[in-house]
Amino acid sequence: VQLQASGGGLVEAGGSLRLSCTNSKSIDSYNAMGWYRQAPGKSREMVALIDRGGRPNYAGSVKGRFAISRDSAKNMVDLQMNSLEPEDTAVYYCSAILIGKQIWGQGTQVTVSS
């Protein structure tokens, strides 16, 4: 498995979780790394991306609550999720992005109870 995600779980609304993704290859070889999510009955959507230069990009629904970070030395990308809402409940996927190619990791479940 190239992308290994961890850190999901069950949390109450208002709580926090931190997701981690470890890439078996150098994350610097990709244009960007990111997190996506898919809720039941919905399409997969982008949550946060971080490019090779460390510039983040967030979905409007998570801006100000989530923070993405990268550690090139560890080939890791983390997603700090604060002020979680029930609407954040989904399977979260780590992704490595090249122009014309996107690699997916296995998902990790995040459940936020009201």
Protein backbone atom coordinates (compact mmCIF):
# COMPACT_ATOMS: atom_id res chain seq x y z
CA VAL A 1 0.00 0.00 0.00
CA GLN A 2 1.61 3.23 -1.09
CA LEU A 3 -0.54 5.59 0.97
CA GLN A 4 -1.32 4.55 4.52
CA ALA A 5 -3.88 6.64 6.39
CA SER A 6 -4.60 6.57 10.09
CA GLY A 7 -6.26 8.58 12.82
CA GLY A 8 -9.95 8.27 12.13
CA GLY A 9 -12.49 7.53 14.82
CA LEU A 10 -15.58 8.63 16.66
CA VAL A 11 -15.73 12.07 18.23
CA GLU A 12 -18.42 14.34 19.59
CA ALA A 13 -19.37 17.54 17.81
CA GLY A 14 -16.91 20.28 18.64
CA GLY A 15 -14.09 17.82 19.15
CA SER A 16 -10.86 17.28 17.24
CA LEU A 17 -9.14 14.53 15.32
CA ARG A 18 -5.83 14.34 13.50
CA LEU A 19 -5.44 12.23 10.39
CA SER A 20 -2.04 11.13 9.16
CA CYS A 21 -1.00 9.79 5.77
CA THR A 22 2.34 8.14 5.14
CA ASN A 23 3.57 7.79 1.58
CA SER A 24 6.01 4.98 0.85
CA LYS A 25 7.48 7.25 -1.84
CA SER A 26 8.82 10.75 -1.52
CA ILE A 27 6.00 13.25 -1.27
CA ASP A 28 8.25 15.79 -2.96
CA SER A 29 7.89 13.81 -6.18
CA TYR A 30 4.21 14.73 -6.35
CA ASN A 31 2.65 18.05 -7.34
CA ALA A 32 0.41 17.94 -4.32
CA MET A 33 -0.85 15.78 -1.51
CA GLY A 34 -4.36 15.97 -0.19
CA TRP A 35 -7.32 14.71 1.71
CA TYR A 36 -10.71 13.93 0.24
CA ARG A 37 -13.84 12.60 1.84
CA GLN A 38 -16.95 10.72 0.84
CA ALA A 39 -20.10 10.71 2.91
CA PRO A 40 -22.81 8.06 2.44
CA GLY A 41 -24.79 8.75 -0.70
CA LYS A 42 -22.54 11.61 -1.76
CA SER A 43 -19.69 12.06 -4.21
CA ARG A 44 -16.11 12.21 -3.10
CA GLU A 45 -15.02 15.80 -2.46
CA MET A 46 -11.77 17.59 -1.88
CA VAL A 47 -11.18 18.63 1.72
CA ALA A 48 -7.65 20.02 1.68
CA LEU A 49 -4.63 20.03 -0.60
CA ILE A 50 -1.05 21.07 -0.02
CA ASP A 51 1.35 21.58 -2.90
CA ARG A 52 5.04 20.86 -3.11
CA GLY A 53 5.78 24.35 -1.89
CA GLY A 54 3.62 23.95 1.19
CA ARG A 55 0.75 26.12 -0.01
CA PRO A 56 -2.62 24.85 1.28
CA ASN A 57 -6.01 24.93 -0.35
CA TYR A 58 -9.21 24.17 1.56
CA ALA A 59 -12.81 23.45 0.79
CA GLY A 60 -14.98 26.29 1.94
CA SER A 61 -16.82 24.08 4.40
CA VAL A 62 -13.65 23.33 6.39
CA LYS A 63 -11.72 26.57 6.05
CA GLY A 64 -10.78 27.90 9.47
CA ARG A 65 -11.42 24.54 11.14
CA PHE A 66 -9.02 22.15 9.38
CA ALA A 67 -5.30 22.51 8.77
CA ILE A 68 -3.19 20.44 6.41
CA SER A 69 0.55 20.08 6.87
CA ARG A 70 3.38 18.12 5.30
CA ASP A 71 6.68 16.70 6.49
CA SER A 72 8.95 15.85 3.58
CA ALA A 73 11.51 14.16 5.81
CA LYS A 74 8.88 11.67 7.00
CA ASN A 75 6.88 11.59 3.76
CA MET A 76 3.80 12.38 5.77
CA VAL A 77 0.80 14.63 5.35
CA ASP A 78 -1.45 15.38 8.29
CA LEU A 79 -4.92 16.86 8.57
CA GLN A 80 -5.76 18.51 11.87
CA MET A 81 -9.53 18.72 12.20
CA ASN A 82 -10.98 21.00 14.86
CA SER A 83 -14.53 22.06 15.72
CA LEU A 84 -15.84 18.95 14.04
CA GLU A 85 -19.46 18.89 12.98
CA PRO A 86 -21.77 15.96 12.24
CA GLU A 87 -21.61 17.03 8.59
CA ASP A 88 -17.91 16.12 8.61
CA THR A 89 -18.81 12.44 9.02
CA ALA A 90 -17.34 10.57 6.07
CA VAL A 91 -14.64 8.21 4.93
CA TYR A 92 -11.49 10.28 4.47
CA TYR A 93 -8.98 9.39 1.78
CA CYS A 94 -5.39 10.46 1.37
CA SER A 95 -4.27 11.19 -2.18
CA ALA A 96 -1.03 11.85 -4.03
CA ILE A 97 -1.41 13.99 -7.13
CA LEU A 98 0.58 14.28 -10.30
CA ILE A 99 -0.57 16.03 -13.45
CA GLY A 100 -2.82 13.49 -15.12
CA LYS A 101 -2.58 10.93 -12.32
CA GLN A 102 -4.02 10.59 -8.84
CA ILE A 103 -3.17 7.87 -6.36
CA TRP A 104 -5.54 6.96 -3.55
CA GLY A 105 -4.96 5.42 -0.19
CA GLN A 106 -7.40 3.33 1.76
CA GLY A 107 -10.01 5.34 3.59
CA THR A 108 -10.30 6.03 7.28
CA GLN A 109 -13.70 6.54 8.87
CA VAL A 110 -14.46 9.76 10.74
CA THR A 111 -17.74 9.86 12.63
CA VAL A 112 -18.92 12.97 14.44
CA SER A 113 -21.83 12.52 16.82
CA SER A 114 -24.22 15.34 17.64
